[in-house]
Each structure stands twice: as C-alpha cells, then as structure tokens.
C-alpha cells in the first residue's frame, strides 16, 4: 500500500512539473530570448507579413520578452506559473498597442514564432 501511495505522489509531482514547463514554454516559445531586439530580429518577417508597423512590432516584442522573463522567474523561484493569469496579462499588454483584430492576427501566427 505504501508503494502505491509513493507512486501516486511521484505521478502528481511529475504532473506539476509538466504543467509548469508547459506554462513557461507557452511564452518562451521553446526559445530563451536574450533581448527584445533578438525577438524582433528572429520574427521581423512574420510581424511584417501580418501588417504590423514598427511601433506595433516593438510593443509586441517587448510584451513577448517581458512575459517570457516573468514566466521564467516564476518557474525558477519555485512558484507554479498560472497559465491563465499569464495569458490575461499578456493579452492586456498586447492590447495597449494592438486592436482586437490585430491581436487576433497575432494569435493566429503565435505558433510560428522563432
């Protein structure tokens, strides 16, 4: 019976680790950016393709970089990042410079970010 209890604890622990990694990766996009400029450089053509102007690109890159750093900090400090809360914060940051329509365009290409 004790082994079953230990197995369940291990299973729960692994589930928490998986959720944490998924939350962080949603903002990190499998990439740890070293600067806002790197985000822009790697994704410039993609942002240009959906029609973002220079100001929008700069704002989007700052928001991506900021949320990646926030999610990484939470994970490193042992806190479990709340994906829904991070997503809401990200959307709020994005809507400061983008219209709802532009945000939807961004959401449609988010999986292509480098």
N, C-alpha and C. Protein backbone atom coordinates (compact mmCIF):
# COMPACT_ATOMS: atom_id res chain seq x y z
N UNK A 1 0.82 -1.19 0.00
CA UNK A 1 0.00 0.00 0.00
C UNK A 1 0.86 1.25 0.00
N UNK A 2 1.98 1.21 0.73
CA UNK A 2 2.87 2.36 0.79
C UNK A 2 3.46 2.66 -0.59
N UNK A 3 3.80 1.63 -1.34
CA UNK A 3 4.38 1.83 -2.68
C UNK A 3 3.36 2.50 -3.61
N UNK A 4 2.10 2.12 -3.47
CA UNK A 4 1.07 2.75 -4.28
C UNK A 4 0.96 4.24 -3.94
N UNK A 5 1.02 4.57 -2.67
CA UNK A 5 0.96 5.96 -2.23
C UNK A 5 2.17 6.74 -2.76
N UNK A 6 3.36 6.15 -2.71
CA UNK A 6 4.56 6.80 -3.24
C UNK A 6 4.45 6.99 -4.75
N UNK A 7 3.87 6.01 -5.45
CA UNK A 7 3.69 6.11 -6.89
C UNK A 7 2.76 7.27 -7.24
N UNK A 8 1.68 7.41 -6.49
CA UNK A 8 0.73 8.49 -6.73
C UNK A 8 1.40 9.84 -6.48
N UNK A 9 2.19 9.95 -5.40
CA UNK A 9 2.90 11.19 -5.13
C UNK A 9 3.87 11.53 -6.25
N UNK A 10 4.58 10.53 -6.76
CA UNK A 10 5.51 10.74 -7.87
C UNK A 10 4.75 11.19 -9.11
N UNK A 11 3.61 10.55 -9.35
CA UNK A 11 2.79 10.90 -10.51
C UNK A 11 2.31 12.35 -10.41
N UNK A 12 1.86 12.76 -9.23
CA UNK A 12 1.42 14.14 -9.03
C UNK A 12 2.57 15.11 -9.22
N UNK A 13 3.74 14.77 -8.69
CA UNK A 13 4.91 15.62 -8.83
C UNK A 13 5.27 15.81 -10.31
N UNK A 14 5.28 14.72 -11.06
CA UNK A 14 5.60 14.79 -12.48
C UNK A 14 4.55 15.61 -13.25
N UNK A 15 3.29 15.50 -12.84
CA UNK A 15 2.24 16.29 -13.48
C UNK A 15 2.46 17.78 -13.23
N UNK A 16 2.82 18.15 -12.01
CA UNK A 16 3.09 19.56 -11.69
C UNK A 16 4.27 20.07 -12.50
N UNK A 17 5.32 19.28 -12.62
CA UNK A 17 6.49 19.67 -13.43
C UNK A 17 6.07 19.88 -14.88
N UNK A 18 5.27 18.97 -15.41
CA UNK A 18 4.84 19.07 -16.81
C UNK A 18 4.00 20.33 -17.04
N UNK A 19 3.10 20.62 -16.12
CA UNK A 19 2.25 21.81 -16.26
C UNK A 19 3.10 23.07 -16.20
N UNK A 20 4.08 23.10 -15.27
CA UNK A 20 4.96 24.25 -15.15
C UNK A 20 5.75 24.47 -16.43
N UNK A 21 6.30 23.40 -16.97
CA UNK A 21 7.07 23.53 -18.21
C UNK A 21 6.18 23.97 -19.37
N UNK A 22 4.97 23.48 -19.42
CA UNK A 22 4.06 23.90 -20.49
C UNK A 22 3.72 25.38 -20.37
N UNK A 23 3.51 25.84 -19.15
CA UNK A 23 3.20 27.26 -18.94
C UNK A 23 4.35 28.14 -19.38
N UNK A 24 5.54 27.78 -18.96
CA UNK A 24 6.71 28.57 -19.32
C UNK A 24 6.93 28.54 -20.82
N UNK A 25 6.78 27.37 -21.42
CA UNK A 25 7.06 27.28 -22.85
C UNK A 25 6.04 28.02 -23.70
N UNK A 26 4.84 28.24 -23.18
CA UNK A 26 3.88 28.98 -23.98
C UNK A 26 4.33 30.41 -24.24
N UNK A 27 5.10 30.97 -23.31
CA UNK A 27 5.63 32.31 -23.51
C UNK A 27 7.04 32.28 -24.06
N UNK A 28 7.77 31.27 -23.73
CA UNK A 28 9.14 31.20 -24.20
C UNK A 28 9.20 30.71 -25.64
N UNK A 29 8.11 30.07 -26.08
CA UNK A 29 8.05 29.56 -27.45
C UNK A 29 9.25 28.68 -27.77
N UNK A 30 9.65 27.86 -26.81
CA UNK A 30 10.79 26.95 -26.96
C UNK A 30 12.07 27.72 -27.25
N UNK A 31 12.11 28.95 -26.91
CA UNK A 31 13.26 29.81 -27.18
C UNK A 31 13.47 30.72 -25.99
N UNK A 32 14.67 30.78 -25.51
CA UNK A 32 15.01 31.75 -24.47
C UNK A 32 15.64 32.95 -25.18
N UNK A 33 14.87 34.00 -25.33
CA UNK A 33 15.37 35.20 -25.97
C UNK A 33 16.32 35.91 -25.03
N UNK A 34 17.39 36.44 -25.57
CA UNK A 34 18.36 37.16 -24.75
C UNK A 34 18.09 38.65 -24.71
N UNK A 35 17.23 39.14 -25.60
CA UNK A 35 16.91 40.57 -25.62
C UNK A 35 15.64 40.80 -26.43
N UNK A 36 15.10 41.98 -26.27
CA UNK A 36 13.93 42.37 -27.05
C UNK A 36 14.31 42.44 -28.53
N UNK A 37 15.49 42.93 -28.81
CA UNK A 37 15.96 43.02 -30.20
C UNK A 37 16.07 41.64 -30.85
N UNK A 38 16.43 40.63 -30.07
CA UNK A 38 16.51 39.28 -30.63
C UNK A 38 15.12 38.78 -31.03
N UNK A 39 14.12 39.06 -30.20
CA UNK A 39 12.74 38.69 -30.53
C UNK A 39 12.36 39.32 -31.86
N UNK A 40 12.67 40.60 -32.01
CA UNK A 40 12.32 41.33 -33.23
C UNK A 40 13.08 40.79 -34.44
N UNK A 41 14.37 40.58 -34.27
CA UNK A 41 15.20 40.11 -35.37
C UNK A 41 14.72 38.75 -35.88
N UNK A 42 14.42 37.84 -34.96
CA UNK A 42 14.02 36.50 -35.35
C UNK A 42 12.63 36.44 -35.98
N UNK A 43 11.78 37.38 -35.62
CA UNK A 43 10.38 37.31 -36.05
C UNK A 43 9.94 38.49 -36.92
N UNK A 44 10.88 39.30 -37.36
CA UNK A 44 10.56 40.51 -38.12
C UNK A 44 9.69 40.22 -39.33
N UNK A 45 10.08 39.26 -40.15
CA UNK A 45 9.33 38.95 -41.36
C UNK A 45 7.91 38.49 -41.05
N UNK A 46 7.77 37.72 -39.99
CA UNK A 46 6.44 37.25 -39.59
C UNK A 46 5.55 38.41 -39.17
N UNK A 47 6.09 39.33 -38.37
CA UNK A 47 5.32 40.50 -37.94
C UNK A 47 4.99 41.41 -39.13
N UNK A 48 5.94 41.55 -40.02
CA UNK A 48 5.73 42.37 -41.21
C UNK A 48 4.65 41.75 -42.11
N UNK A 49 4.68 40.42 -42.21
CA UNK A 49 3.72 39.70 -43.04
C UNK A 49 2.27 39.92 -42.58
N UNK A 50 2.05 40.05 -41.28
CA UNK A 50 0.67 40.26 -40.81
C UNK A 50 0.31 41.75 -40.71
N UNK A 51 1.25 42.60 -41.12
CA UNK A 51 0.94 44.01 -41.26
C UNK A 51 1.24 44.91 -40.07
N UNK A 52 2.09 44.46 -39.16
CA UNK A 52 2.44 45.31 -38.02
C UNK A 52 3.40 46.40 -38.47
N UNK A 53 3.17 47.62 -37.99
CA UNK A 53 4.11 48.69 -38.26
C UNK A 53 5.24 48.63 -37.21
N UNK A 54 6.20 49.51 -37.34
CA UNK A 54 7.38 49.50 -36.47
C UNK A 54 7.00 49.61 -34.97
N UNK A 55 6.08 50.51 -34.65
CA UNK A 55 5.66 50.68 -33.25
C UNK A 55 4.99 49.43 -32.71
N UNK A 56 4.13 48.83 -33.51
CA UNK A 56 3.46 47.60 -33.07
C UNK A 56 4.47 46.48 -32.88
N UNK A 57 5.41 46.36 -33.81
CA UNK A 57 6.44 45.32 -33.68
C UNK A 57 7.23 45.50 -32.39
N UNK A 58 7.63 46.73 -32.12
CA UNK A 58 8.40 46.99 -30.90
C UNK A 58 7.60 46.63 -29.66
N UNK A 59 6.33 47.00 -29.64
CA UNK A 59 5.50 46.71 -28.48
C UNK A 59 5.29 45.20 -28.31
N UNK A 60 5.01 44.51 -29.39
CA UNK A 60 4.80 43.06 -29.34
C UNK A 60 6.07 42.36 -28.84
N UNK A 61 7.22 42.79 -29.34
CA UNK A 61 8.49 42.17 -28.92
C UNK A 61 8.75 42.41 -27.44
N UNK A 62 8.46 43.61 -26.96
CA UNK A 62 8.62 43.90 -25.53
C UNK A 62 7.68 43.04 -24.70
N UNK A 63 6.45 42.87 -25.16
CA UNK A 63 5.48 42.05 -24.42
C UNK A 63 5.91 40.58 -24.38
N UNK A 64 6.36 40.05 -25.50
CA UNK A 64 6.81 38.66 -25.56
C UNK A 64 7.98 38.46 -24.62
N UNK A 65 8.96 39.33 -24.72
CA UNK A 65 10.17 39.22 -23.88
C UNK A 65 9.81 39.35 -22.40
N UNK A 66 8.96 40.30 -22.08
CA UNK A 66 8.56 40.53 -20.70
C UNK A 66 7.86 39.30 -20.11
N UNK A 67 6.95 38.73 -20.85
CA UNK A 67 6.21 37.57 -20.34
C UNK A 67 7.10 36.35 -20.25
N UNK A 68 8.05 36.21 -21.18
CA UNK A 68 9.00 35.10 -21.09
C UNK A 68 9.82 35.21 -19.80
N UNK A 69 10.29 36.42 -19.52
CA UNK A 69 11.09 36.64 -18.32
C UNK A 69 10.25 36.41 -17.06
N UNK A 70 9.01 36.87 -17.08
CA UNK A 70 8.13 36.68 -15.91
C UNK A 70 7.88 35.19 -15.66
N UNK A 71 7.56 34.45 -16.70
CA UNK A 71 7.29 33.01 -16.55
C UNK A 71 8.55 32.27 -16.09
N UNK A 72 9.69 32.63 -16.65
CA UNK A 72 10.96 32.00 -16.24
C UNK A 72 11.27 32.30 -14.78
N UNK A 73 11.07 33.54 -14.37
CA UNK A 73 11.33 33.93 -12.99
C UNK A 73 10.43 33.15 -12.03
N UNK A 74 9.16 33.04 -12.37
CA UNK A 74 8.24 32.29 -11.51
C UNK A 74 8.65 30.83 -11.40
N UNK A 75 9.02 30.23 -12.52
CA UNK A 75 9.43 28.82 -12.51
C UNK A 75 10.73 28.63 -11.71
N UNK A 76 11.68 29.53 -11.89
CA UNK A 76 12.95 29.42 -11.18
C UNK A 76 12.80 29.66 -9.68
N UNK A 77 11.85 30.48 -9.29
CA UNK A 77 11.67 30.77 -7.87
C UNK A 77 10.82 29.72 -7.17
N UNK A 78 10.39 28.73 -7.90
CA UNK A 78 9.63 27.63 -7.31
C UNK A 78 8.14 27.82 -7.35
N UNK A 79 7.68 28.96 -7.81
CA UNK A 79 6.24 29.20 -7.92
C UNK A 79 5.73 28.53 -9.19
N UNK A 80 4.55 28.06 -9.14
CA UNK A 80 3.95 27.45 -10.32
C UNK A 80 3.25 28.54 -11.12
N UNK A 81 3.75 28.86 -12.31
CA UNK A 81 3.12 29.91 -13.10
C UNK A 81 1.68 29.55 -13.43
N UNK A 82 0.78 30.47 -13.24
CA UNK A 82 -0.62 30.28 -13.56
C UNK A 82 -0.82 30.69 -15.01
N UNK A 83 -1.00 29.71 -15.87
CA UNK A 83 -1.08 29.98 -17.31
C UNK A 83 -2.20 30.96 -17.66
N UNK A 84 -3.36 30.79 -17.05
CA UNK A 84 -4.48 31.67 -17.36
C UNK A 84 -4.17 33.11 -16.96
N UNK A 85 -3.56 33.29 -15.81
CA UNK A 85 -3.22 34.64 -15.35
C UNK A 85 -2.15 35.27 -16.27
N UNK A 86 -1.14 34.48 -16.64
CA UNK A 86 -0.11 34.98 -17.55
C UNK A 86 -0.71 35.32 -18.91
N UNK A 87 -1.62 34.49 -19.39
CA UNK A 87 -2.26 34.77 -20.67
C UNK A 87 -3.06 36.07 -20.63
N UNK A 88 -3.77 36.30 -19.51
CA UNK A 88 -4.53 37.55 -19.38
C UNK A 88 -3.61 38.76 -19.31
N UNK A 89 -2.50 38.64 -18.58
CA UNK A 89 -1.54 39.73 -18.50
C UNK A 89 -0.94 40.01 -19.87
N UNK A 90 -0.63 38.95 -20.60
CA UNK A 90 -0.06 39.10 -21.94
C UNK A 90 -1.05 39.80 -22.87
N UNK A 91 -2.31 39.37 -22.84
CA UNK A 91 -3.32 39.99 -23.69
C UNK A 91 -3.47 41.47 -23.33
N UNK A 92 -3.46 41.77 -22.06
CA UNK A 92 -3.57 43.17 -21.62
C UNK A 92 -2.41 44.00 -22.15
N UNK A 93 -1.20 43.46 -22.07
CA UNK A 93 -0.04 44.16 -22.62
C UNK A 93 -0.18 44.38 -24.13
N UNK A 94 -0.62 43.36 -24.81
CA UNK A 94 -0.72 43.44 -26.27
C UNK A 94 -1.78 44.45 -26.70
N UNK A 95 -2.89 44.50 -25.98
CA UNK A 95 -3.98 45.40 -26.38
C UNK A 95 -3.68 46.87 -26.10
N UNK A 96 -2.56 47.14 -25.46
CA UNK A 96 -2.16 48.54 -25.29
C UNK A 96 -1.73 49.15 -26.62
N UNK A 97 -1.25 48.31 -27.53
CA UNK A 97 -0.77 48.83 -28.81
C UNK A 97 -1.49 48.23 -30.01
N UNK A 98 -2.24 47.16 -29.79
CA UNK A 98 -2.92 46.50 -30.89
C UNK A 98 -4.42 46.58 -30.73
N UNK A 99 -5.11 46.58 -31.85
CA UNK A 99 -6.56 46.47 -31.82
C UNK A 99 -6.91 45.00 -31.57
N UNK A 100 -8.17 44.73 -31.28
CA UNK A 100 -8.61 43.33 -31.10
C UNK A 100 -8.33 42.53 -32.37
N UNK A 101 -8.55 43.16 -33.52
CA UNK A 101 -8.31 42.49 -34.80
C UNK A 101 -6.83 42.14 -34.97
N UNK A 102 -5.95 43.09 -34.65
CA UNK A 102 -4.51 42.84 -34.75
C UNK A 102 -4.08 41.77 -33.76
N UNK A 103 -4.66 41.78 -32.57
CA UNK A 103 -4.33 40.76 -31.58
C UNK A 103 -4.74 39.38 -32.09
N UNK A 104 -5.90 39.29 -32.74
CA UNK A 104 -6.33 38.01 -33.30
C UNK A 104 -5.37 37.54 -34.40
N UNK A 105 -4.87 38.49 -35.21
CA UNK A 105 -3.87 38.14 -36.23
C UNK A 105 -2.63 37.56 -35.55
N UNK A 106 -2.19 38.23 -34.47
CA UNK A 106 -1.02 37.75 -33.75
C UNK A 106 -1.27 36.35 -33.19
N UNK A 107 -2.42 36.15 -32.58
CA UNK A 107 -2.76 34.84 -32.01
C UNK A 107 -2.73 33.75 -33.08
N UNK A 108 -3.13 34.10 -34.30
CA UNK A 108 -3.16 33.10 -35.38
C UNK A 108 -1.78 32.68 -35.85
N UNK A 109 -0.76 33.52 -35.61
CA UNK A 109 0.59 33.18 -36.06
C UNK A 109 1.54 32.89 -34.89
N UNK A 110 1.03 32.96 -33.66
CA UNK A 110 1.88 32.81 -32.47
C UNK A 110 2.69 31.51 -32.51
N UNK A 111 2.11 30.44 -33.03
CA UNK A 111 2.81 29.16 -33.07
C UNK A 111 4.01 29.18 -34.02
N UNK A 112 4.11 30.18 -34.89
CA UNK A 112 5.22 30.28 -35.84
C UNK A 112 6.41 31.07 -35.31
N UNK A 113 6.27 31.66 -34.11
CA UNK A 113 7.36 32.47 -33.57
C UNK A 113 8.63 31.63 -33.44
N UNK A 114 9.74 32.29 -33.73
CA UNK A 114 11.04 31.61 -33.63
C UNK A 114 11.66 31.91 -32.30
